[in-house]
Amino acid sequence: MPDFVHLRHKPVVELAEPRPLIVALPPMQSNINISRIVRAASCCGVRRMVVCGHAKIDRKIARDGADEITIEVRRTLPPVLKQFREEGYRLVGLEQTTNSQCLYDYRYESRSVLVIGHERQGLTEDVLQLLDDV
């Protein structure tokens, strides 16, 4: 049986370069969910997030992610997504729709924005119309 070494308490390994993936969130129902997304995104090397509405990050939940990620708060998502498109980003939605691609098989372009939907309502029609891929 192979030996396993616990990596939990070893120092973080820095990425060679910042990950160009940006995570964008519409107004969410729960600040706890936003904080969990911040924590998970930080673990994946994401360094920039855009959140809409009155988002508040709970540092106990987000942990180091609250310090590692630059979080921009905006009023609504569509104008932000249009700006990202003008800057050359590919807009990718995390949603179940017709013609959705499998998340595990999807190949992100080097500059992408991952748009995550509301907990209950998912992505709105106006946001879906702006996306390149879902």
Protein backbone atom coordinates (compact mmCIF):
# COMPACT_ATOMS: atom_id res chain seq x y z
CA MET A 1 0.00 0.00 0.00
CA PRO A 2 1.45 3.44 -0.91
CA ASP A 3 2.43 5.94 1.75
CA PHE A 4 0.47 9.17 1.79
CA VAL A 5 1.86 12.42 3.14
CA HIS A 6 -0.63 14.85 4.58
CA LEU A 7 -0.32 18.18 2.72
CA ARG A 8 -2.85 20.14 4.71
CA HIS A 9 -0.40 22.14 6.78
CA LYS A 10 2.35 22.67 4.24
CA PRO A 11 2.95 26.14 2.80
CA VAL A 12 0.95 27.30 -0.20
CA VAL A 13 2.66 26.76 -3.55
CA GLU A 14 2.63 29.97 -5.58
CA LEU A 15 1.48 29.87 -9.20
CA ALA A 16 4.06 30.79 -11.84
CA GLU A 17 1.71 33.55 -13.00
CA PRO A 18 -1.71 34.76 -11.85
CA ARG A 19 -4.61 32.74 -13.22
CA PRO A 20 -6.45 34.93 -15.76
CA LEU A 21 -9.84 33.47 -14.78
CA ILE A 22 -12.26 35.99 -13.24
CA VAL A 23 -15.37 34.89 -11.34
CA ALA A 24 -18.51 37.04 -11.63
CA LEU A 25 -21.60 36.75 -9.42
CA PRO A 26 -25.04 38.35 -9.72
CA PRO A 27 -26.75 39.58 -6.55
CA MET A 28 -26.87 36.49 -4.34
CA GLN A 29 -29.35 35.56 -1.65
CA SER A 30 -26.77 34.51 0.93
CA ASN A 31 -23.51 36.16 1.93
CA ILE A 32 -22.47 32.77 3.28
CA ASN A 33 -22.60 31.34 -0.25
CA ILE A 34 -20.60 34.27 -1.60
CA SER A 35 -17.98 33.69 1.09
CA ARG A 36 -17.80 30.00 0.22
CA ILE A 37 -17.31 30.84 -3.46
CA VAL A 38 -14.53 33.28 -2.51
CA ARG A 39 -12.79 30.54 -0.52
CA ALA A 40 -13.10 27.94 -3.29
CA ALA A 41 -12.01 30.41 -5.99
CA SER A 42 -8.96 31.35 -3.95
CA CYS A 43 -8.00 27.69 -3.63
CA CYS A 44 -8.16 27.44 -7.44
CA GLY A 45 -5.84 30.39 -7.95
CA VAL A 46 -8.47 32.96 -8.94
CA ARG A 47 -7.31 36.45 -7.98
CA ARG A 48 -10.22 38.63 -9.10
CA MET A 49 -13.98 38.48 -8.53
CA VAL A 50 -16.86 40.75 -9.40
CA VAL A 51 -19.90 40.55 -7.12
CA CYS A 52 -23.13 42.47 -7.56
CA GLY A 53 -25.56 43.88 -5.05
CA HIS A 54 -24.91 44.28 -1.35
CA ALA A 55 -22.38 41.50 -0.95
CA LYS A 56 -20.57 41.13 2.35
CA ILE A 57 -17.75 38.61 2.77
CA ASP A 58 -17.66 36.63 6.01
CA ARG A 59 -13.94 36.31 6.78
CA LYS A 60 -14.49 33.26 9.01
CA ILE A 61 -15.90 31.40 6.02
CA ALA A 62 -13.78 32.86 3.22
CA ARG A 63 -10.60 32.51 5.31
CA ASP A 64 -7.48 33.54 3.35
CA GLY A 65 -9.57 33.95 0.20
CA ALA A 66 -10.82 37.28 1.51
CA ASP A 67 -7.24 38.56 1.46
CA GLU A 68 -6.03 36.74 -1.67
CA ILE A 69 -8.77 37.82 -4.08
CA THR A 70 -9.49 41.34 -5.28
CA ILE A 71 -13.26 41.71 -4.97
CA GLU A 72 -15.05 44.40 -6.95
CA VAL A 73 -18.63 45.24 -5.99
CA ARG A 74 -20.89 46.46 -8.81
CA ARG A 75 -24.58 47.25 -9.02
CA THR A 76 -25.56 44.96 -11.92
CA LEU A 77 -23.85 42.27 -13.96
CA PRO A 78 -24.68 42.95 -17.67
CA PRO A 79 -22.63 46.18 -18.02
CA VAL A 80 -19.67 44.49 -16.34
CA LEU A 81 -19.86 41.52 -18.71
CA LYS A 82 -20.04 43.82 -21.74
CA GLN A 83 -16.89 45.58 -20.52
CA PHE A 84 -15.08 42.26 -20.08
CA ARG A 85 -16.05 41.26 -23.63
CA GLU A 86 -14.61 44.53 -24.96
CA GLU A 87 -11.38 43.72 -23.08
CA GLY A 88 -11.16 40.37 -24.91
CA TYR A 89 -12.46 37.99 -22.25
CA ARG A 90 -14.56 34.94 -23.10
CA LEU A 91 -17.78 34.86 -21.05
CA VAL A 92 -18.62 31.41 -19.68
CA GLY A 93 -21.80 30.71 -17.69
CA LEU A 94 -22.17 28.01 -15.06
CA GLU A 95 -25.74 26.94 -15.74
CA GLN A 96 -27.78 24.03 -17.08
CA THR A 97 -29.27 25.02 -20.44
CA THR A 98 -29.85 23.53 -23.85
CA ASN A 99 -26.44 23.15 -25.52
CA SER A 100 -24.59 23.38 -22.19
CA GLN A 101 -21.12 21.89 -22.23
CA CYS A 102 -19.79 19.57 -19.56
CA LEU A 103 -17.87 21.57 -16.96
CA TYR A 104 -15.25 18.84 -16.61
CA ASP A 105 -14.49 18.74 -20.33
CA TYR A 106 -14.68 22.47 -21.05
CA ARG A 107 -11.42 24.10 -22.19
CA TYR A 108 -11.17 27.62 -20.84
CA GLU A 109 -9.47 30.19 -23.01
CA SER A 110 -6.60 32.01 -21.37
CA ARG A 111 -8.77 35.05 -20.54
CA SER A 112 -12.18 33.92 -19.32
CA VAL A 113 -14.89 35.13 -16.97
CA LEU A 114 -16.84 32.39 -15.17
CA VAL A 115 -20.34 33.69 -14.43
CA ILE A 116 -22.08 31.83 -11.60
CA GLY A 117 -25.86 32.15 -11.24
CA HIS A 118 -28.09 33.02 -8.31
CA GLU A 119 -28.70 30.18 -5.84
CA ARG A 120 -32.35 29.67 -6.81
CA GLN A 121 -32.93 31.56 -10.05
CA GLY A 122 -29.69 30.74 -11.84
CA LEU A 123 -28.58 33.10 -14.60
CA THR A 124 -31.14 35.59 -15.88
CA GLU A 125 -32.07 35.77 -19.57
CA ASP A 126 -30.24 39.07 -20.10
CA VAL A 127 -27.04 37.53 -18.72
CA LEU A 128 -27.47 34.29 -20.70
CA GLN A 129 -27.74 36.32 -23.92
CA LEU A 130 -24.31 37.86 -23.26
CA LEU A 131 -22.45 34.58 -22.71
CA ASP A 132 -20.17 32.91 -25.24
CA ASP A 133 -20.47 29.45 -23.68
CA VAL A 134 -22.57 27.74 -21.03
